[in-house]
């Protein structure tokens, strides 16, 4: 589990003029919709710490995403790559906004990655039910497979569907 910091603490450090590396690991569309000013966009699926953060190896790096799950994965990648001062921003951009801290918004309305996962998973479950009912009982296996994937994602906090969707063209 990475070290963590509350959004308010990070904001206070920024206000005090500390040199901080804030990394946002959400998709470009999510980042375009709402972001912490000065946060560097580095989508989780495209992050290469050795290339993108080489200059910050000895400095604190604060990682955030929408709610914290992707940021936790990114923190693990950074620590594995040898970065020692890696901090998870607790609760991500949602907690940042709830704390009333400043964000930059644009009129771009992106569908969050979490909502995209719910839409795809729900569609696949429904498709499996329809296939099983109308075409062949083996169609129910699709719903079972997707349900198993949801259980796995809940237990491990790793969602392959989210990582796959993050690489789709509309999320770049």
C-alpha atoms as a PDB file:
ATOM      1  CA  UNK A   1       0.000   0.000   0.000  1.00  0.00           C
ATOM      2  CA  UNK A   2       1.558   3.325  -1.028  1.00  0.00           C
ATOM      3  CA  UNK A   3       1.939   6.275   1.301  1.00  0.00           C
ATOM      4  CA  UNK A   4      -1.025   8.597   0.970  1.00  0.00           C
ATOM      5  CA  UNK A   5      -1.863  12.252   1.356  1.00  0.00           C
ATOM      6  CA  UNK A   6      -5.175  14.049   1.690  1.00  0.00           C
ATOM      7  CA  UNK A   7      -6.074  16.498  -1.097  1.00  0.00           C
ATOM      8  CA  UNK A   8      -6.060  19.357   1.431  1.00  0.00           C
ATOM      9  CA  UNK A   9      -2.472  18.547   2.467  1.00  0.00           C
ATOM     10  CA  UNK A  10      -1.300  18.481  -1.148  1.00  0.00           C
ATOM     11  CA  UNK A  11      -3.060  21.771  -1.868  1.00  0.00           C
ATOM     12  CA  UNK A  12      -1.402  23.394   1.184  1.00  0.00           C
ATOM     13  CA  UNK A  13       2.014  22.239  -0.002  1.00  0.00           C
ATOM     14  CA  UNK A  14       1.317  23.689  -3.447  1.00  0.00           C
ATOM     15  CA  UNK A  15       0.189  26.968  -1.891  1.00  0.00           C
ATOM     16  CA  UNK A  16       3.421  27.065   0.143  1.00  0.00           C
ATOM     17  CA  UNK A  17       5.368  26.971  -3.121  1.00  0.00           C
ATOM     18  CA  UNK A  18       6.865  23.500  -2.816  1.00  0.00           C
ATOM     19  CA  UNK A  19       8.111  21.914  -6.037  1.00  0.00           C
ATOM     20  CA  UNK A  20       5.625  19.100  -6.552  1.00  0.00           C
ATOM     21  CA  UNK A  21       5.088  16.566  -9.273  1.00  0.00           C
ATOM     22  CA  UNK A  22       1.367  15.839  -9.475  1.00  0.00           C
ATOM     23  CA  UNK A  23       0.520  13.056 -11.919  1.00  0.00           C
ATOM     24  CA  UNK A  24      -3.031  12.418 -13.162  1.00  0.00           C
ATOM     25  CA  UNK A  25      -3.395   8.846 -14.465  1.00  0.00           C
ATOM     26  CA  UNK A  26      -6.946   9.179 -15.826  1.00  0.00           C
ATOM     27  CA  UNK A  27      -7.790   9.098 -19.522  1.00  0.00           C
ATOM     28  CA  UNK A  28      -7.219  12.234 -21.612  1.00  0.00           C
ATOM     29  CA  UNK A  29     -11.003  12.752 -21.930  1.00  0.00           C
ATOM     30  CA  UNK A  30     -11.492  12.595 -18.168  1.00  0.00           C
ATOM     31  CA  UNK A  31      -8.563  14.971 -17.670  1.00  0.00           C
ATOM     32  CA  UNK A  32      -9.976  17.383 -20.258  1.00  0.00           C
ATOM     33  CA  UNK A  33     -13.304  17.522 -18.422  1.00  0.00           C
ATOM     34  CA  UNK A  34     -11.971  18.373 -14.950  1.00  0.00           C
ATOM     35  CA  UNK A  35      -8.408  18.557 -13.671  1.00  0.00           C
ATOM     36  CA  UNK A  36      -6.176  19.865 -10.938  1.00  0.00           C
ATOM     37  CA  UNK A  37      -4.252  22.792 -12.354  1.00  0.00           C
ATOM     38  CA  UNK A  38      -0.642  21.842 -12.991  1.00  0.00           C
ATOM     39  CA  UNK A  39      -1.257  18.094 -12.778  1.00  0.00           C
ATOM     40  CA  UNK A  40       0.618  16.248 -15.484  1.00  0.00           C
ATOM     41  CA  UNK A  41      -1.502  13.871 -17.530  1.00  0.00           C
ATOM     42  CA  UNK A  42       0.018  10.401 -17.748  1.00  0.00           C
ATOM     43  CA  UNK A  43      -2.706   7.814 -18.535  1.00  0.00           C
ATOM     44  CA  UNK A  44      -2.142   4.600 -16.594  1.00  0.00           C
ATOM     45  CA  UNK A  45      -2.078   2.399 -19.698  1.00  0.00           C
ATOM     46  CA  UNK A  46       0.598   4.557 -21.344  1.00  0.00           C
ATOM     47  CA  UNK A  47       2.734   5.392 -18.319  1.00  0.00           C
ATOM     48  CA  UNK A  48       6.456   4.735 -18.590  1.00  0.00           C
ATOM     49  CA  UNK A  49       7.996   6.147 -15.395  1.00  0.00           C
ATOM     50  CA  UNK A  50      11.576   5.846 -16.651  1.00  0.00           C
ATOM     51  CA  UNK A  51      10.768   8.128 -19.592  1.00  0.00           C
ATOM     52  CA  UNK A  52       8.036  10.432 -18.311  1.00  0.00           C
ATOM     53  CA  UNK A  53       9.303  11.074 -14.777  1.00  0.00           C
ATOM     54  CA  UNK A  54      13.069  10.612 -15.017  1.00  0.00           C
ATOM     55  CA  UNK A  55      13.655  14.181 -13.781  1.00  0.00           C
ATOM     56  CA  UNK A  56      11.573  13.550 -10.640  1.00  0.00           C
ATOM     57  CA  UNK A  57      13.286  10.391  -9.412  1.00  0.00           C
ATOM     58  CA  UNK A  58      14.508  12.004  -6.167  1.00  0.00           C
ATOM     59  CA  UNK A  59      11.456  14.223  -5.614  1.00  0.00           C
ATOM     60  CA  UNK A  60       7.971  13.543  -4.234  1.00  0.00           C
ATOM     61  CA  UNK A  61       5.425  12.399  -6.806  1.00  0.00           C
ATOM     62  CA  UNK A  62       1.719  12.706  -6.007  1.00  0.00           C
ATOM     63  CA  UNK A  63      -0.565  10.452  -8.045  1.00  0.00           C
ATOM     64  CA  UNK A  64      -4.293  10.899  -8.535  1.00  0.00           C
ATOM     65  CA  UNK A  65      -7.114   9.526 -10.630  1.00  0.00           C
ATOM     66  CA  UNK A  66     -10.899   9.776 -10.330  1.00  0.00           C
ATOM     67  CA  UNK A  67     -11.307   7.966  -7.008  1.00  0.00           C
ATOM     68  CA  UNK A  68      -7.992   6.313  -6.157  1.00  0.00           C
ATOM     69  CA  UNK A  69      -7.973   2.809  -7.706  1.00  0.00           C
ATOM     70  CA  UNK A  70      -5.969   3.581 -10.842  1.00  0.00           C
ATOM     71  CA  UNK A  71      -3.667   5.867  -8.868  1.00  0.00           C
ATOM     72  CA  UNK A  72      -2.882   2.993  -6.509  1.00  0.00           C
ATOM     73  CA  UNK A  73      -1.852   0.837  -9.484  1.00  0.00           C
ATOM     74  CA  UNK A  74       0.286   3.700 -10.813  1.00  0.00           C
ATOM     75  CA  UNK A  75       1.953   4.139  -7.414  1.00  0.00           C
ATOM     76  CA  UNK A  76       2.869   0.446  -7.442  1.00  0.00           C
ATOM     77  CA  UNK A  77       4.377   0.854 -10.938  1.00  0.00           C
ATOM     78  CA  UNK A  78       6.398   3.872  -9.816  1.00  0.00           C
ATOM     79  CA  UNK A  79       7.672   2.128  -6.688  1.00  0.00           C
ATOM     80  CA  UNK A  80       8.602  -0.950  -8.754  1.00  0.00           C
ATOM     81  CA  UNK A  81      10.544   1.359 -11.105  1.00  0.00           C
ATOM     82  CA  UNK A  82      12.616   2.617  -8.155  1.00  0.00           C
ATOM     83  CA  UNK A  83      10.839   5.845  -7.246  1.00  0.00           C
ATOM     84  CA  UNK A  84      10.947   6.220  -3.472  1.00  0.00           C
ATOM     85  CA  UNK A  85       8.781   9.244  -2.712  1.00  0.00           C
ATOM     86  CA  UNK A  86       5.451   8.212  -4.225  1.00  0.00           C
ATOM     87  CA  UNK A  87       2.201   9.383  -2.647  1.00  0.00           C
ATOM     88  CA  UNK A  88      -1.381   8.412  -3.425  1.00  0.00           C
ATOM     89  CA  UNK A  89      -3.805  11.344  -3.332  1.00  0.00           C
ATOM     90  CA  UNK A  90      -6.622   9.837  -1.245  1.00  0.00           C
ATOM     91  CA  UNK A  91      -9.988   9.819  -2.999  1.00  0.00           C
ATOM     92  CA  UNK A  92      -8.611  11.304  -6.224  1.00  0.00           C
ATOM     93  CA  UNK A  93     -10.241  14.167  -8.089  1.00  0.00           C
ATOM     94  CA  UNK A  94     -13.596  13.378  -6.453  1.00  0.00           C
ATOM     95  CA  UNK A  95     -12.180  14.005  -2.968  1.00  0.00           C
ATOM     96  CA  UNK A  96     -10.319  17.062  -4.277  1.00  0.00           C
ATOM     97  CA  UNK A  97     -13.591  18.572  -5.483  1.00  0.00           C
ATOM     98  CA  UNK A  98     -15.496  17.537  -2.333  1.00  0.00           C
ATOM     99  CA  UNK A  99     -12.913  19.412  -0.282  1.00  0.00           C
ATOM    100  CA  UNK A 100     -13.754  22.556  -2.276  1.00  0.00           C
ATOM    101  CA  UNK A 101     -10.284  22.814  -3.763  1.00  0.00           C
ATOM    102  CA  UNK A 102      -9.830  24.548  -7.131  1.00  0.00           C
ATOM    103  CA  UNK A 103     -10.156  22.613 -10.376  1.00  0.00           C
ATOM    104  CA  UNK A 104     -10.191  23.594 -14.024  1.00  0.00           C
ATOM    105  CA  UNK A 105     -13.293  22.542 -15.953  1.00  0.00           C
ATOM    106  CA  UNK A 106     -14.081  22.552 -19.640  1.00  0.00           C
ATOM    107  CA  UNK A 107     -17.307  21.955 -21.492  1.00  0.00           C
ATOM    108  CA  UNK A 108     -16.114  18.541 -22.646  1.00  0.00           C
ATOM    109  CA  UNK A 109     -18.447  15.973 -21.142  1.00  0.00           C
ATOM    110  CA  UNK A 110     -16.639  12.651 -21.024  1.00  0.00           C
ATOM    111  CA  UNK A 111     -18.149   9.431 -19.814  1.00  0.00           C
ATOM    112  CA  UNK A 112     -15.915   8.308 -16.961  1.00  0.00           C
ATOM    113  CA  UNK A 113     -14.056   5.059 -17.312  1.00  0.00           C
ATOM    114  CA  UNK A 114     -16.049   3.546 -14.447  1.00  0.00           C
ATOM    115  CA  UNK A 115     -19.341   4.354 -16.198  1.00  0.00           C
ATOM    116  CA  UNK A 116     -18.002   2.900 -19.446  1.00  0.00           C
ATOM    117  CA  UNK A 117     -17.175  -0.340 -17.637  1.00  0.00           C
ATOM    118  CA  UNK A 118     -20.693  -0.504 -16.174  1.00  0.00           C
ATOM    119  CA  UNK A 119     -22.249   0.098 -19.606  1.00  0.00           C
ATOM    120  CA  UNK A 120     -20.143  -2.598 -21.311  1.00  0.00           C
ATOM    121  CA  UNK A 121     -20.575  -5.130 -18.504  1.00  0.00           C
ATOM    122  CA  UNK A 122     -24.338  -4.589 -18.350  1.00  0.00           C
ATOM    123  CA  UNK A 123     -24.584  -4.913 -22.128  1.00  0.00           C
ATOM    124  CA  UNK A 124     -22.598  -8.168 -22.127  1.00  0.00           C
ATOM    125  CA  UNK A 125     -24.732  -9.674 -19.350  1.00  0.00           C
ATOM    126  CA  UNK A 126     -27.911  -8.724 -21.203  1.00  0.00           C
ATOM    127  CA  UNK A 127     -26.506 -10.076 -24.475  1.00  0.00           C
ATOM    128  CA  UNK A 128     -25.649 -13.388 -22.783  1.00  0.00           C
ATOM    129  CA  UNK A 129     -29.189 -13.659 -21.421  1.00  0.00           C
ATOM    130  CA  UNK A 130     -30.767 -12.933 -24.806  1.00  0.00           C
ATOM    131  CA  UNK A 131     -28.440 -15.380 -26.582  1.00  0.00           C
ATOM    132  CA  UNK A 132     -29.187 -18.085 -24.028  1.00  0.00           C
ATOM    133  CA  UNK A 133     -32.916 -17.524 -24.226  1.00  0.00           C
ATOM    134  CA  UNK A 134     -33.322 -17.052 -27.992  1.00  0.00           C
ATOM    135  CA  UNK A 135     -30.375 -18.812 -29.679  1.00  0.00           C
ATOM    136  CA  UNK A 136     -28.697 -21.472 -27.552  1.00  0.00           C
ATOM    137  CA  UNK A 137     -28.373 -22.153 -23.803  1.00  0.00           C
ATOM    138  CA  UNK A 138     -24.591 -21.809 -24.120  1.00  0.00           C
ATOM    139  CA  UNK A 139     -25.206 -18.052 -24.448  1.00  0.00           C
ATOM    140  CA  UNK A 140     -25.727 -17.965 -20.676  1.00  0.00           C
ATOM    141  CA  UNK A 141     -22.018 -18.711 -20.318  1.00  0.00           C
ATOM    142  CA  UNK A 142     -21.258 -15.148 -21.456  1.00  0.00           C
ATOM    143  CA  UNK A 143     -23.257 -13.751 -18.530  1.00  0.00           C
ATOM    144  CA  UNK A 144     -21.517 -16.173 -16.170  1.00  0.00           C
ATOM    145  CA  UNK A 145     -18.098 -15.199 -17.489  1.00  0.00           C
ATOM    146  CA  UNK A 146     -18.816 -11.476 -17.079  1.00  0.00           C
ATOM    147  CA  UNK A 147     -20.186 -12.065 -13.579  1.00  0.00           C
ATOM    148  CA  UNK A 148     -17.020 -13.953 -12.669  1.00  0.00           C
ATOM    149  CA  UNK A 149     -14.986 -11.026 -13.983  1.00  0.00           C
ATOM    150  CA  UNK A 150     -16.921  -8.643 -11.732  1.00  0.00           C
ATOM    151  CA  UNK A 151     -16.241 -10.823  -8.706  1.00  0.00           C
ATOM    152  CA  UNK A 152     -12.541 -10.999  -9.606  1.00  0.00           C
ATOM    153  CA  UNK A 153     -12.377  -7.205 -10.058  1.00  0.00           C
ATOM    154  CA  UNK A 154     -14.086  -6.667  -6.706  1.00  0.00           C
ATOM    155  CA  UNK A 155     -11.810  -9.033  -4.826  1.00  0.00           C
ATOM    156  CA  UNK A 156      -8.511  -7.971  -6.419  1.00  0.00           C
ATOM    157  CA  UNK A 157      -9.324  -4.302  -7.209  1.00  0.00           C
ATOM    158  CA  UNK A 158      -7.911  -4.966 -10.702  1.00  0.00           C
ATOM    159  CA  UNK A 159     -10.252  -4.480 -13.644  1.00  0.00           C
ATOM    160  CA  UNK A 160      -9.024  -5.697 -17.007  1.00  0.00           C
ATOM    161  CA  UNK A 161     -12.121  -4.233 -18.671  1.00  0.00           C
ATOM    162  CA  UNK A 162     -11.189  -0.752 -17.415  1.00  0.00           C
ATOM    163  CA  UNK A 163      -7.616  -1.122 -18.640  1.00  0.00           C
ATOM    164  CA  UNK A 164      -8.865  -2.278 -22.034  1.00  0.00           C
ATOM    165  CA  UNK A 165     -11.391   0.559 -22.322  1.00  0.00           C
ATOM    166  CA  UNK A 166      -8.735   3.114 -21.325  1.00  0.00           C
ATOM    167  CA  UNK A 167      -6.838   2.167 -24.509  1.00  0.00           C
ATOM    168  CA  UNK A 168      -9.815   2.759 -26.801  1.00  0.00           C
ATOM    169  CA  UNK A 169      -9.541   5.673 -29.262  1.00  0.00           C
ATOM    170  CA  UNK A 170     -12.383   7.684 -27.669  1.00  0.00           C
ATOM    171  CA  UNK A 171     -10.447   7.718 -24.360  1.00  0.00           C
ATOM    172  CA  UNK A 172      -7.255   9.102 -25.846  1.00  0.00           C
END
